[in-house]
Protein backbone atom coordinates (compact mmCIF):
# COMPACT_ATOMS: atom_id res chain seq x y z
CA UNK A 1 0.00 0.00 0.00
CA UNK A 2 1.40 3.39 -0.98
CA UNK A 3 1.64 6.35 1.35
CA UNK A 4 -1.12 8.10 -0.58
CA UNK A 5 -3.44 5.10 -0.22
CA UNK A 6 -2.67 4.86 3.49
CA UNK A 7 -3.32 8.58 3.96
CA UNK A 8 -6.64 8.26 2.12
CA UNK A 9 -7.70 5.32 4.31
CA UNK A 10 -6.69 7.18 7.46
CA UNK A 11 -8.68 10.24 6.34
CA UNK A 12 -11.68 8.01 5.67
CA UNK A 13 -11.42 6.51 9.17
CA UNK A 14 -11.16 9.97 10.75
CA UNK A 15 -14.24 11.13 8.83
CA UNK A 16 -16.13 8.10 10.16
CA UNK A 17 -14.99 8.72 13.75
CA UNK A 18 -15.23 12.50 13.92
CA UNK A 19 -17.48 13.79 11.16
CA UNK A 20 -20.27 11.27 10.70
CA UNK A 21 -18.77 9.59 7.65
CA UNK A 22 -19.55 6.05 6.56
CA UNK A 23 -17.48 3.24 8.10
CA UNK A 24 -14.53 2.41 5.85
CA UNK A 25 -14.30 -1.02 4.27
CA UNK A 26 -12.81 -3.56 6.63
CA UNK A 27 -13.99 -1.87 9.85
CA UNK A 28 -16.74 -3.22 12.06
CA UNK A 29 -19.56 -0.62 11.99
CA UNK A 30 -20.64 -1.56 15.53
CA UNK A 31 -17.19 -1.02 16.97
CA UNK A 32 -16.81 2.27 15.10
CA UNK A 33 -20.19 3.42 16.44
CA UNK A 34 -19.06 2.60 19.98
CA UNK A 35 -15.86 4.59 19.47
CA UNK A 36 -17.82 7.54 18.05
CA UNK A 37 -19.93 7.58 21.22
CA UNK A 38 -16.83 7.37 23.43
CA UNK A 39 -15.09 10.23 21.60
CA UNK A 40 -18.24 12.37 21.79
CA UNK A 41 -18.57 11.66 25.52
CA UNK A 42 -14.95 12.72 26.04
CA UNK A 43 -15.52 15.93 24.09
CA UNK A 44 -18.74 16.62 26.02
CA UNK A 45 -17.00 16.05 29.35
CA UNK A 46 -14.15 18.41 28.49
CA UNK A 47 -16.55 21.15 27.39
CA UNK A 48 -18.55 20.66 30.61
CA UNK A 49 -15.33 21.06 32.61
CA UNK A 50 -14.34 24.20 30.69
CA UNK A 51 -17.82 25.75 30.84
CA UNK A 52 -19.45 24.68 34.11
CA UNK A 53 -21.78 27.67 33.75
CA UNK A 54 -23.32 26.10 30.64
CA UNK A 55 -23.48 22.71 32.31
CA UNK A 56 -25.35 24.17 35.31
CA UNK A 57 -27.62 26.37 33.21
CA UNK A 58 -28.68 23.60 30.86
CA UNK A 59 -28.99 20.84 33.44
CA UNK A 60 -30.46 17.69 31.89
CA UNK A 61 -30.52 19.37 28.49
CA UNK A 62 -26.71 19.66 28.33
CA UNK A 63 -26.15 16.12 27.06
CA UNK A 64 -28.68 16.09 24.18
CA UNK A 65 -27.91 19.66 23.17
CA UNK A 66 -24.17 18.99 23.10
CA UNK A 67 -24.71 15.85 21.05
CA UNK A 68 -26.79 17.81 18.52
CA UNK A 69 -24.05 20.45 18.38
CA UNK A 70 -21.33 17.82 17.97
CA UNK A 71 -23.17 16.20 15.06
CA UNK A 72 -23.72 19.57 13.39
CA UNK A 73 -20.21 20.89 14.09
CA UNK A 74 -17.44 18.29 14.11
CA UNK A 75 -14.18 19.66 15.49
CA UNK A 76 -11.92 20.81 12.71
CA UNK A 77 -8.19 20.46 12.57
CA UNK A 78 -6.53 22.94 14.88
CA UNK A 79 -9.65 23.76 16.92
CA UNK A 80 -8.83 23.46 20.61
CA UNK A 81 -11.27 22.56 23.34
CA UNK A 82 -11.54 26.16 24.58
CA UNK A 83 -12.60 27.28 21.11
CA UNK A 84 -14.94 24.29 20.87
CA UNK A 85 -16.62 25.29 24.13
CA UNK A 86 -16.97 28.89 22.88
CA UNK A 87 -18.44 27.60 19.62
CA UNK A 88 -20.92 25.49 21.61
CA UNK A 89 -22.00 28.55 23.62
CA UNK A 90 -22.46 30.53 20.39
CA UNK A 91 -24.42 27.63 18.86
CA UNK A 92 -26.70 27.57 21.91
CA UNK A 93 -27.20 31.34 21.79
CA UNK A 94 -28.01 31.25 18.07
CA UNK A 95 -30.78 28.73 18.80
CA UNK A 96 -32.19 30.59 21.76
CA UNK A 97 -31.21 27.84 24.22
CA UNK A 98 -29.55 30.21 26.70
CA UNK A 99 -31.52 32.56 28.90
CA UNK A 100 -31.10 36.20 28.01
CA UNK A 101 -28.92 38.01 30.48
CA UNK A 102 -30.51 40.94 32.17
CA UNK A 103 -28.38 44.07 32.32
CA UNK A 104 -28.69 44.14 36.08
CA UNK A 105 -27.78 40.50 36.69
CA UNK A 106 -24.36 39.46 37.85
CA UNK A 107 -22.30 36.76 36.32
CA UNK A 108 -22.53 33.43 38.16
CA UNK A 109 -19.31 32.15 36.72
């Protein structure tokens, strides 16, 4: 197998794991699905740690909302977790999922 072929297969695997792509030939779809869930849970946990304010505000809605965000916005190359958490907050705000801040309220961060 040439380097180009190997790189193409690796890119296909990454698309399946991180961006909702189809499982590449030769990979067990069930095992890939389990890994996708594990990687998403890790990403969700890190964002919850970085933005506990969002985690507290959303409560039980954090998990499903983050999963919807993660499906709609796979992390791109070079995007760190701090930027990912900021992007999640912006995604929530764009959809009206965050309460509007009153000018007289204090930050609970």
